[in-house]
Amino acid sequence: MKEAEELHKESLKIDPLYDRQPEKINHNTLLELVIDLYEAGDYAQGITLAEKWVKQQNVSRQEDIYPLVYYYIAYGYQNLHRKENTEQANCYMTMYVTLGENAAADGCFPHRTEDYIVLKSLAEEYHLAMAYYYLGCLLYDRRVYDESIEDYEESILRSPDFPTVHRNLALAYYNVKKLPQRAYEEMEKAFALDETDARVYLELDQLKKRLNVAVKERWSDMEKHFDLVESRDDLYLEYVTLLNTLGEPEKALGLIKARKFHQWEGGEGKVAAQYLTALYQLAKAAVEKEDYAEAKELLLRAVGEYPHNLGEGKLESGQENNLYYLLGLVQEKLGEAKDAFESLTRACCGESEPVGMMYYNDQPPEMIYYQGLAYRMLGEEEQAVRRFQKLVDYGREHIRDDVKIDYFAVSLPDLLIFEENLNERNRKHCLFMVSLGLKGLGRIDEAEKCAEELLAMDNAHQEIRVHDL
């Protein structure tokens, strides 16, 4: 023991970090040092170091100290109490446990094996709500799902007013336990406990989308919380998407024009898609009113350069068959035969082989549909029928596929907060294909049956509404 003390003194002369300047290290470095001391059996020195660090932090409230620091100090006193059985150690342990429970949880995510040992020991002795919550986070990250869920549930039993634990439990119920209704109940509780949390509101709306809540109901609720909608690009865009889906393209376009978007991972192409959808729907409405000049102006905007506020530019590989098909029709109505021919020819371009539904830049089946319509307008019925039949054949052949996601998949088309049944999504994709193909072949009743089945599965399916099936 004496030799160890001498070595310790010598170490302090070389590196005084342990003893003189703990305020200059962050909480993670502090905890690593405390872990070293605890593992050496020196609980007293670990406690002293951590307590000195806490006193030297320039914070206005004790709650602003990183929670795990308090838990580690409490754990040190717990071990001293077990070793020495002193009332003083027990009192200090209780005090630091309380401080840990009341500390701000924002940004605290335990990840070490030692964190688990500390939290588990304290939670079991004191039945701590927040300690159980932190355990749940740690274990969920390690995919120890059943124990994680038990810890979240235990946390809620002891403190039901903490929003984030309800939110985390909702994800676990949906993604792990496959209990969508219980997930919805927990997510609703999470938002009810803090109606200023825009992220949770986005997640609640995405869960409603998964549960096939009516589009109008989702839109109506967003109207009540528009301050939150405006606070995030992804939530704002979801609101715009609902407007386009409900046939309100003028409002959707106005909102798009009023905001400067910033691209986010997984959001590639989404803002531009709603911008084009709004213009396309407005152009169709103008055609129905026989205002061909207005329709032409809208379509030329759509096929031109994107406004800077969208936060993204036009891709060379962008598919615009629907826009050029409608533009060709309008130009023909205006007596611009040469321009109409060029537009319809452009509408025939692109890949004509149907593909799956995994990535945002995959060939959308409606573009193949418009290729067929353009060929029909140009008098090439055989080419038109060939494309419509391909859609029908592909959809019927692949509708029961067992779909797996690529481990290296990027730029998936939807937010991945709640795991989607890929086989169900594939079925919807194939129904959409078949309905398009049947429509093109003139088999309207069959096409409408496919569309009805699709909308029963997913009433928010925008394309089935926009393309008049």
Protein backbone atom coordinates (compact mmCIF):
# COMPACT_ATOMS: atom_id res chain seq x y z
CA MET A 1 0.00 0.00 0.00
CA LYS A 2 2.85 2.38 0.89
CA GLU A 3 4.48 1.69 -2.46
CA ALA A 4 1.23 2.55 -4.23
CA GLU A 5 0.97 5.86 -2.34
CA GLU A 6 4.50 6.79 -3.31
CA LEU A 7 3.77 5.98 -6.95
CA HIS A 8 0.63 8.11 -6.75
CA LYS A 9 2.59 11.11 -5.40
CA GLU A 10 5.20 10.69 -8.11
CA SER A 11 2.46 10.60 -10.77
CA LEU A 12 0.99 13.86 -9.48
CA LYS A 13 4.35 15.57 -9.90
CA ILE A 14 4.47 14.44 -13.54
CA ASP A 15 0.79 15.15 -14.32
CA PRO A 16 -1.10 17.24 -11.77
CA LEU A 17 -4.42 16.75 -13.59
CA TYR A 18 -5.85 14.49 -10.89
CA ASP A 19 -5.18 16.94 -8.10
CA ARG A 20 -4.85 20.54 -9.16
CA GLN A 21 -6.86 21.45 -12.26
CA PRO A 22 -9.92 19.24 -12.64
CA GLU A 23 -11.98 22.25 -13.76
CA LYS A 24 -10.09 22.24 -17.08
CA ILE A 25 -11.38 18.84 -18.15
CA ASN A 26 -14.83 17.98 -19.46
CA HIS A 27 -17.23 15.56 -17.82
CA ASN A 28 -16.24 12.65 -20.06
CA THR A 29 -12.56 12.93 -19.17
CA LEU A 30 -13.52 13.32 -15.52
CA LEU A 31 -15.57 10.12 -15.58
CA GLU A 32 -12.75 8.18 -17.22
CA LEU A 33 -10.42 9.28 -14.41
CA VAL A 34 -13.00 8.43 -11.76
CA ILE A 35 -13.50 5.00 -13.34
CA ASP A 36 -9.73 4.39 -13.17
CA LEU A 37 -9.69 5.27 -9.48
CA TYR A 38 -12.79 3.21 -8.66
CA GLU A 39 -11.42 0.19 -10.48
CA ALA A 40 -8.25 0.53 -8.40
CA GLY A 41 -10.47 0.44 -5.30
CA ASP A 42 -9.75 4.09 -4.41
CA TYR A 43 -13.34 5.30 -4.00
CA ALA A 44 -12.35 8.15 -1.67
CA GLN A 45 -9.92 9.68 -4.20
CA GLY A 46 -12.44 9.27 -7.03
CA ILE A 47 -15.13 11.01 -4.98
CA THR A 48 -12.76 13.83 -4.01
CA LEU A 49 -11.78 14.43 -7.62
CA ALA A 50 -15.40 14.46 -8.84
CA GLU A 51 -16.64 16.68 -5.98
CA LYS A 52 -13.84 19.17 -6.63
CA TRP A 53 -14.76 19.20 -10.34
CA VAL A 54 -18.44 19.87 -9.51
CA LYS A 55 -17.55 22.78 -7.17
CA GLN A 56 -15.37 24.40 -9.80
CA GLN A 57 -17.95 24.29 -12.60
CA ASN A 58 -19.27 27.69 -13.57
CA VAL A 59 -22.97 26.83 -13.60
CA SER A 60 -25.92 28.76 -12.24
CA ARG A 61 -27.85 25.70 -11.08
CA GLN A 62 -26.87 22.32 -9.71
CA GLU A 63 -29.22 20.79 -12.32
CA ASP A 64 -26.85 21.92 -15.08
CA ILE A 65 -24.15 19.46 -14.04
CA TYR A 66 -23.95 16.35 -16.23
CA PRO A 67 -26.17 13.77 -14.45
CA LEU A 68 -23.72 10.88 -14.62
CA VAL A 69 -21.18 12.83 -12.56
CA TYR A 70 -23.63 12.89 -9.67
CA TYR A 71 -24.46 9.19 -10.12
CA TYR A 72 -20.78 8.26 -10.12
CA ILE A 73 -20.20 10.19 -6.89
CA ALA A 74 -23.24 8.48 -5.36
CA TYR A 75 -21.89 5.11 -6.49
CA GLY A 76 -18.57 5.89 -4.81
CA TYR A 77 -20.32 6.66 -1.54
CA GLN A 78 -22.45 3.54 -1.96
CA ASN A 79 -19.30 1.44 -2.05
CA LEU A 80 -17.76 3.32 0.87
CA HIS A 81 -20.94 2.74 2.85
CA ARG A 82 -20.87 -0.96 2.05
CA LYS A 83 -17.22 -1.10 3.03
CA GLU A 84 -17.27 1.10 6.14
CA ASN A 85 -21.00 1.16 7.00
CA THR A 86 -20.89 4.84 8.01
CA GLU A 87 -24.00 7.01 8.26
CA GLN A 88 -22.15 9.92 6.67
CA ALA A 89 -21.45 7.95 3.47
CA ASN A 90 -25.10 6.91 3.33
CA CYS A 91 -26.26 10.52 3.67
CA TYR A 92 -23.93 11.72 0.93
CA MET A 93 -25.03 8.85 -1.30
CA THR A 94 -28.67 9.89 -0.88
CA MET A 95 -27.84 13.53 -1.59
CA TYR A 96 -25.97 12.79 -4.83
CA VAL A 97 -28.61 10.32 -6.01
CA THR A 98 -31.18 13.10 -5.66
CA LEU A 99 -28.95 15.53 -7.55
CA GLY A 100 -28.52 12.98 -10.34
CA GLU A 101 -32.26 12.43 -10.59
CA ASN A 102 -32.95 16.17 -10.80
CA ALA A 103 -30.15 17.06 -13.23
CA ALA A 104 -31.09 18.07 -16.78
CA ALA A 105 -31.30 14.99 -18.98
CA ASP A 106 -30.65 16.85 -22.26
CA GLY A 107 -27.57 15.45 -23.96
CA CYS A 108 -27.04 12.70 -21.42
CA PHE A 109 -26.64 9.33 -23.12
CA PRO A 110 -24.82 6.68 -21.08
CA HIS A 111 -22.72 4.36 -23.24
CA ARG A 112 -20.05 2.70 -21.12
CA THR A 113 -20.24 -0.69 -19.46
CA GLU A 114 -19.26 1.16 -16.27
CA ASP A 115 -22.24 3.48 -16.74
CA TYR A 116 -24.50 0.43 -16.75
CA ILE A 117 -22.90 -0.91 -13.54
CA VAL A 118 -23.28 2.43 -11.74
CA LEU A 119 -26.86 3.09 -12.85
CA LYS A 120 -28.01 -0.48 -12.26
CA SER A 121 -26.61 -0.56 -8.74
CA LEU A 122 -28.22 2.76 -7.76
CA ALA A 123 -31.52 2.12 -9.55
CA GLU A 124 -32.05 -1.20 -7.82
CA GLU A 125 -31.29 0.19 -4.36
CA TYR A 126 -33.19 3.47 -4.68
CA HIS A 127 -35.76 2.65 -7.43
CA LEU A 128 -34.77 5.76 -9.40
CA ALA A 129 -36.97 6.94 -12.26
CA MET A 130 -34.27 8.74 -14.23
CA ALA A 131 -31.65 6.07 -13.61
CA TYR A 132 -34.04 3.52 -15.11
CA TYR A 133 -34.57 5.86 -18.06
CA TYR A 134 -30.82 6.15 -18.67
CA LEU A 135 -30.49 2.38 -18.39
CA GLY A 136 -33.22 2.01 -20.99
CA CYS A 137 -31.33 4.32 -23.39
CA LEU A 138 -28.06 2.46 -22.91
CA LEU A 139 -29.60 -0.98 -23.38
CA TYR A 140 -31.73 0.04 -26.39
CA ASP A 141 -28.57 1.31 -28.08
CA ARG A 142 -26.98 -2.10 -27.40
CA ARG A 143 -30.11 -3.83 -28.76
CA VAL A 144 -30.96 -5.42 -25.44
CA TYR A 145 -34.53 -4.52 -26.24
CA ASP A 146 -36.58 -6.47 -23.69
CA GLU A 147 -34.61 -5.21 -20.68
CA SER A 148 -34.54 -1.72 -22.16
CA ILE A 149 -38.33 -1.66 -22.45
CA GLU A 150 -38.69 -2.94 -18.89
CA ASP A 151 -36.46 -0.10 -17.68
CA TYR A 152 -38.47 2.51 -19.60
CA GLU A 153 -41.69 1.11 -18.13
CA GLU A 154 -40.17 1.13 -14.64
CA SER A 155 -39.14 4.74 -15.13
CA ILE A 156 -42.68 5.73 -16.12
CA LEU A 157 -44.14 3.97 -13.06
CA ARG A 158 -41.95 6.11 -10.81
CA SER A 159 -42.15 9.38 -12.76
CA PRO A 160 -44.89 9.50 -15.41
CA ASP A 161 -44.38 13.18 -16.30
CA PHE A 162 -41.08 12.93 -18.17
CA PRO A 163 -41.95 13.27 -21.90
CA THR A 164 -38.86 11.67 -23.42
CA VAL A 165 -39.29 8.29 -21.75
CA HIS A 166 -42.79 8.05 -23.26
CA ARG A 167 -41.35 8.99 -26.65
CA ASN A 168 -38.61 6.37 -26.41
CA LEU A 169 -41.05 3.72 -25.25
CA ALA A 170 -43.31 4.53 -28.22
CA LEU A 171 -40.45 3.78 -30.63
CA ALA A 172 -39.70 0.55 -28.79
CA TYR A 173 -43.34 -0.56 -28.80
CA TYR A 174 -43.69 0.10 -32.53
CA ASN A 175 -40.31 -1.01 -33.86
CA VAL A 176 -39.57 -3.90 -31.49
CA LYS A 177 -42.78 -5.14 -29.92
CA LYS A 178 -44.96 -4.44 -32.99
CA LEU A 179 -47.62 -2.80 -30.81
CA PRO A 180 -48.69 0.21 -32.90
CA GLN A 181 -51.64 1.28 -30.76
CA ARG A 182 -49.61 1.29 -27.55
CA ALA A 183 -46.89 3.18 -29.39
CA TYR A 184 -49.44 5.80 -30.43
CA GLU A 185 -50.70 6.16 -26.85
CA GLU A 186 -47.17 6.71 -25.54
CA MET A 187 -46.30 9.20 -28.28
CA GLU A 188 -49.47 11.16 -27.58
CA LYS A 189 -48.51 11.29 -23.89
CA ALA A 190 -45.02 12.48 -24.78
CA PHE A 191 -46.38 15.37 -26.82
CA ALA A 192 -49.11 16.22 -24.30
CA LEU A 193 -46.43 16.59 -21.62
CA ASP A 194 -44.44 19.04 -23.76
CA GLU A 195 -46.31 20.69 -26.61
CA THR A 196 -43.29 22.82 -27.48
CA ASP A 197 -41.25 19.87 -28.77
CA ALA A 198 -41.35 20.06 -32.57
CA ARG A 199 -39.35 16.87 -33.01
CA VAL A 200 -41.82 14.83 -30.99
CA TYR A 201 -44.68 16.43 -32.91
CA LEU A 202 -43.04 15.39 -36.19
CA GLU A 203 -42.66 11.86 -34.85
CA LEU A 204 -46.28 11.82 -33.69
CA ASP A 205 -47.42 12.86 -37.17
CA GLN A 206 -45.23 10.22 -38.80
CA LEU A 207 -46.78 7.61 -36.53
CA LYS A 208 -50.24 8.81 -37.56
CA LYS A 209 -49.12 8.38 -41.16
CA ARG A 210 -48.02 4.81 -40.44
CA LEU A 211 -51.38 4.13 -38.78
CA ASN A 212 -53.21 5.51 -41.84
CA VAL A 213 -54.88 8.39 -40.00
CA ALA A 214 -56.92 10.46 -42.46
CA VAL A 215 -54.92 13.09 -44.33
CA LYS A 216 -57.43 15.80 -43.48
CA GLU A 217 -57.24 14.96 -39.78
CA ARG A 218 -53.44 15.24 -39.84
CA TRP A 219 -53.63 18.55 -41.70
CA SER A 220 -56.22 19.91 -39.27
CA ASP A 221 -54.02 19.06 -36.29
CA MET A 222 -51.02 20.74 -37.92
CA GLU A 223 -53.12 23.86 -38.34
CA LYS A 224 -53.49 23.96 -34.54
CA HIS A 225 -49.73 23.65 -34.05
CA PHE A 226 -48.50 25.76 -36.93
CA ASP A 227 -45.83 27.40 -34.77
CA LEU A 228 -44.17 24.00 -34.50
CA VAL A 229 -44.69 23.32 -38.21
CA GLU A 230 -42.79 26.48 -39.06
CA SER A 231 -39.87 25.59 -36.80
CA ARG A 232 -38.55 22.64 -38.86
CA ASP A 233 -38.02 22.17 -42.60
CA ASP A 234 -39.08 18.52 -42.53
CA LEU A 235 -42.28 19.23 -40.60
CA TYR A 236 -43.08 22.26 -42.76
CA LEU A 237 -42.61 20.16 -45.89
CA GLU A 238 -44.91 17.47 -44.48
CA TYR A 239 -47.58 20.15 -44.09
CA VAL A 240 -47.01 21.27 -47.70
CA THR A 241 -47.23 17.63 -48.82
CA LEU A 242 -50.60 17.26 -47.07
CA LEU A 243 -51.89 20.35 -48.87
CA ASN A 244 -50.83 18.95 -52.25
CA THR A 245 -52.40 15.60 -51.37
CA LEU A 246 -55.66 17.33 -50.41
CA GLY A 247 -55.77 19.16 -53.75
CA GLU A 248 -54.65 22.57 -52.44
CA PRO A 249 -51.66 23.22 -54.72
CA GLU A 250 -51.99 27.01 -54.67
CA LYS A 251 -51.58 27.08 -50.89
CA ALA A 252 -48.76 24.52 -51.08
CA LEU A 253 -46.88 26.56 -53.68
CA GLY A 254 -47.33 29.76 -51.68
CA LEU A 255 -45.81 28.13 -48.60
CA ILE A 256 -42.90 26.71 -50.61
CA LYS A 257 -42.15 30.14 -52.09
CA ALA A 258 -42.26 31.74 -48.63
CA ARG A 259 -39.47 29.63 -47.11
CA LYS A 260 -35.77 29.13 -47.64
CA PHE A 261 -35.14 25.40 -47.27
CA HIS A 262 -31.90 23.77 -46.14
CA GLN A 263 -31.25 20.24 -47.31
CA TRP A 264 -31.02 17.47 -44.76
CA GLU A 265 -29.85 13.86 -44.89
CA GLY A 266 -32.68 11.82 -46.37
CA GLY A 267 -34.49 14.91 -47.65
CA GLU A 268 -32.93 14.93 -51.11
CA GLY A 269 -35.43 15.72 -53.81
CA LYS A 270 -38.42 16.10 -51.49
CA VAL A 271 -38.81 19.87 -51.60
CA ALA A 272 -38.44 19.93 -55.38
CA ALA A 273 -40.96 17.09 -55.70
CA GLN A 274 -43.65 19.08 -53.87
CA TYR A 275 -42.80 22.22 -55.83
CA LEU A 276 -43.31 20.31 -59.10
CA THR A 277 -46.44 18.59 -57.81
CA ALA A 278 -48.00 21.94 -56.95
CA LEU A 279 -47.19 23.42 -60.36
CA TYR A 280 -48.42 20.30 -62.16
CA GLN A 281 -51.74 20.32 -60.32
CA LEU A 282 -52.24 24.02 -60.97
CA ALA A 283 -51.48 23.46 -64.67
CA LYS A 284 -54.02 20.62 -64.81
CA ALA A 285 -56.63 22.86 -63.20
CA ALA A 286 -55.87 25.57 -65.77
CA VAL A 287 -56.31 23.03 -68.60
CA GLU A 288 -59.69 22.01 -67.19
CA LYS A 289 -60.72 25.68 -67.32
CA GLU A 290 -59.30 25.86 -70.87
CA ASP A 291 -56.85 28.53 -69.75
CA TYR A 292 -54.04 27.10 -71.83
CA ALA A 293 -51.81 30.16 -71.63
CA GLU A 294 -51.79 29.95 -67.82
CA ALA A 295 -51.14 26.20 -67.96
CA LYS A 296 -48.21 26.73 -70.33
CA GLU A 297 -46.65 29.37 -68.05
CA LEU A 298 -46.90 27.07 -65.04
CA LEU A 299 -45.40 24.10 -66.89
CA LEU A 300 -42.52 26.13 -68.28
CA ARG A 301 -41.71 27.17 -64.71
CA ALA A 302 -41.79 23.52 -63.69
CA VAL A 303 -39.36 22.34 -66.39
CA GLY A 304 -37.08 25.36 -65.91
CA GLU A 305 -34.52 26.07 -63.22
CA TYR A 306 -35.61 25.68 -59.61
CA PRO A 307 -35.86 28.77 -57.39
CA HIS A 308 -32.87 29.14 -55.05
CA ASN A 309 -35.03 28.95 -51.94
CA LEU A 310 -35.67 25.22 -52.56
CA GLY A 311 -32.13 24.53 -51.43
CA GLU A 312 -31.46 22.10 -54.28
CA GLY A 313 -31.00 22.20 -58.02
CA LYS A 314 -32.42 20.19 -60.86
CA LEU A 315 -30.80 16.79 -61.39
CA GLU A 316 -29.72 15.78 -64.87
CA SER A 317 -31.48 12.48 -64.27
CA GLY A 318 -34.71 14.13 -63.10
CA GLN A 319 -37.85 12.56 -64.55
CA GLU A 320 -40.30 15.10 -66.01
CA ASN A 321 -42.41 12.99 -68.37
CA ASN A 322 -45.68 14.15 -66.83
CA LEU A 323 -44.72 17.81 -67.22
CA TYR A 324 -43.67 17.50 -70.86
CA TYR A 325 -46.72 15.37 -71.70
CA LEU A 326 -49.09 18.01 -70.31
CA LEU A 327 -47.03 20.79 -71.89
CA GLY A 328 -47.34 19.04 -75.27
CA LEU A 329 -51.12 18.87 -74.90
CA VAL A 330 -51.29 22.56 -74.00
CA GLN A 331 -49.04 23.62 -76.87
CA GLU A 332 -51.19 21.64 -79.26
CA LYS A 333 -54.29 23.44 -77.95
CA LEU A 334 -52.49 26.74 -78.53
CA GLY A 335 -51.71 25.76 -82.11
CA GLU A 336 -47.98 25.40 -81.46
CA ALA A 337 -47.59 22.14 -83.36
CA LYS A 338 -43.80 22.11 -83.59
CA ASP A 339 -43.31 22.84 -79.88
CA ALA A 340 -46.01 20.29 -79.02
CA PHE A 341 -44.18 17.60 -80.99
CA GLU A 342 -40.89 18.40 -79.24
CA SER A 343 -42.48 18.31 -75.80
CA LEU A 344 -44.28 15.03 -76.46
CA THR A 345 -41.06 13.53 -77.82
CA ARG A 346 -39.28 14.53 -74.61
CA ALA A 347 -42.12 12.97 -72.64
CA CYS A 348 -41.31 9.64 -74.32
CA CYS A 349 -37.73 9.65 -73.01
CA GLY A 350 -36.31 7.83 -70.01
CA GLU A 351 -36.17 4.33 -68.63
CA SER A 352 -39.17 2.26 -69.59
CA GLU A 353 -38.50 -0.72 -67.34
CA PRO A 354 -40.40 -0.65 -64.03
CA VAL A 355 -38.31 -0.98 -60.85
CA GLY A 356 -38.85 -1.32 -57.10
CA MET A 357 -39.59 1.38 -54.57
CA MET A 358 -36.45 1.60 -52.42
CA TYR A 359 -34.71 4.88 -53.34
CA TYR A 360 -35.91 8.38 -54.07
CA ASN A 361 -34.22 8.54 -57.50
CA ASP A 362 -35.69 5.27 -58.79
CA GLN A 363 -37.81 5.64 -61.91
CA PRO A 364 -41.34 6.50 -60.66
CA PRO A 365 -43.92 4.29 -62.37
CA GLU A 366 -46.08 7.29 -63.28
CA MET A 367 -43.28 8.51 -65.56
CA ILE A 368 -43.54 5.31 -67.58
CA TYR A 369 -47.30 5.85 -67.68
CA TYR A 370 -46.81 9.32 -69.17
CA GLN A 371 -44.34 7.92 -71.68
CA GLY A 372 -47.16 5.71 -72.87
CA LEU A 373 -49.62 8.61 -73.05
CA ALA A 374 -47.08 10.66 -75.02
CA TYR A 375 -46.51 7.84 -77.51
CA ARG A 376 -50.27 7.57 -77.89
CA MET A 377 -50.51 11.28 -78.66
CA LEU A 378 -47.79 10.85 -81.28
CA GLY A 379 -49.75 8.02 -82.91
CA GLU A 380 -47.42 5.22 -81.77
CA GLU A 381 -50.01 3.06 -80.05
CA GLU A 382 -47.84 -0.07 -80.01
CA GLN A 383 -45.16 1.71 -77.98
CA ALA A 384 -47.84 3.10 -75.68
CA VAL A 385 -49.45 -0.28 -75.02
CA ARG A 386 -46.04 -1.84 -74.44
CA ARG A 387 -45.36 0.55 -71.55
CA PHE A 388 -48.77 0.16 -69.99
CA GLN A 389 -48.49 -3.61 -70.15
CA LYS A 390 -45.03 -3.54 -68.55
CA LEU A 391 -46.49 -1.72 -65.57
CA VAL A 392 -49.27 -4.27 -65.19
CA ASP A 393 -46.94 -7.25 -65.64
CA TYR A 394 -44.29 -5.98 -63.22
CA GLY A 395 -46.83 -5.06 -60.58
CA ARG A 396 -48.58 -8.42 -60.69
CA GLU A 397 -45.33 -10.37 -60.77
CA HIS A 398 -43.71 -8.60 -57.81
CA ILE A 399 -46.69 -7.76 -55.60
CA ARG A 400 -45.87 -10.61 -53.18
CA ASP A 401 -42.08 -10.11 -53.11
CA ASP A 402 -40.25 -10.47 -49.81
CA VAL A 403 -38.31 -7.19 -49.75
CA LYS A 404 -35.07 -6.65 -47.79
CA ILE A 405 -33.31 -3.34 -47.31
CA ASP A 406 -29.72 -3.02 -48.47
CA TYR A 407 -27.35 -2.55 -45.52
CA PHE A 408 -25.62 0.27 -47.38
CA ALA A 409 -28.85 1.91 -48.53
CA VAL A 410 -28.81 5.72 -48.72
CA SER A 411 -31.41 8.33 -49.62
CA LEU A 412 -34.42 6.22 -48.80
CA PRO A 413 -37.71 7.89 -49.72
CA ASP A 414 -39.27 8.21 -46.26
CA LEU A 415 -38.35 9.26 -42.75
CA LEU A 416 -37.21 6.15 -40.90
CA ILE A 417 -38.43 7.01 -37.39
CA PHE A 418 -40.83 4.10 -37.33
CA GLU A 419 -39.85 0.99 -39.21
CA GLU A 420 -42.00 0.31 -42.23
CA ASN A 421 -43.20 -3.07 -43.39
CA LEU A 422 -41.29 -3.24 -46.66
CA ASN A 423 -43.48 -5.97 -48.05
CA GLU A 424 -46.54 -3.80 -47.45
CA ARG A 425 -44.85 -0.82 -49.08
CA ASN A 426 -43.94 -3.01 -52.05
CA ARG A 427 -47.55 -4.14 -52.33
CA LYS A 428 -48.71 -0.51 -52.44
CA HIS A 429 -46.08 0.28 -55.05
CA CYS A 430 -47.20 -2.63 -57.22
CA LEU A 431 -50.88 -1.73 -56.86
CA PHE A 432 -50.02 1.77 -58.04
CA MET A 433 -48.17 0.35 -61.05
CA VAL A 434 -50.99 -1.98 -61.99
CA SER A 435 -53.60 0.76 -61.65
CA LEU A 436 -51.57 3.03 -63.93
CA GLY A 437 -51.10 0.32 -66.53
CA LEU A 438 -54.76 -0.67 -66.50
CA LYS A 439 -55.79 2.96 -66.80
CA GLY A 440 -53.58 3.34 -69.87
CA LEU A 441 -55.03 0.16 -71.38
CA GLY A 442 -58.53 1.53 -70.92
CA ARG A 443 -59.54 -1.02 -68.28
CA ILE A 444 -60.93 1.69 -66.02
CA ASP A 445 -63.01 -0.42 -63.61
CA GLU A 446 -60.06 -2.68 -62.81
CA ALA A 447 -57.80 0.35 -62.41
CA GLU A 448 -60.19 1.96 -59.95
CA LYS A 449 -60.37 -1.22 -57.87
CA CYS A 450 -56.59 -1.21 -57.54
CA ALA A 451 -56.67 2.47 -56.60
CA GLU A 452 -59.33 1.84 -53.94
CA GLU A 453 -57.32 -1.01 -52.44
CA LEU A 454 -54.23 1.19 -52.36
CA LEU A 455 -56.01 4.12 -50.70
CA ALA A 456 -57.50 1.78 -48.11
CA MET A 457 -53.94 0.80 -47.19
CA ASP A 458 -52.49 4.32 -47.47
CA ASN A 459 -54.87 7.25 -47.71
CA ALA A 460 -51.86 9.61 -47.84
CA HIS A 461 -50.57 8.11 -51.12
CA GLN A 462 -50.13 11.35 -53.04
CA GLU A 463 -49.41 10.00 -56.51
CA ILE A 464 -52.63 8.00 -56.77
CA ARG A 465 -54.56 11.20 -56.10
CA VAL A 466 -52.48 13.57 -58.21
CA HIS A 467 -52.60 11.38 -61.31
CA ASP A 468 -56.39 11.04 -61.29
CA LEU A 469 -56.83 7.31 -60.78
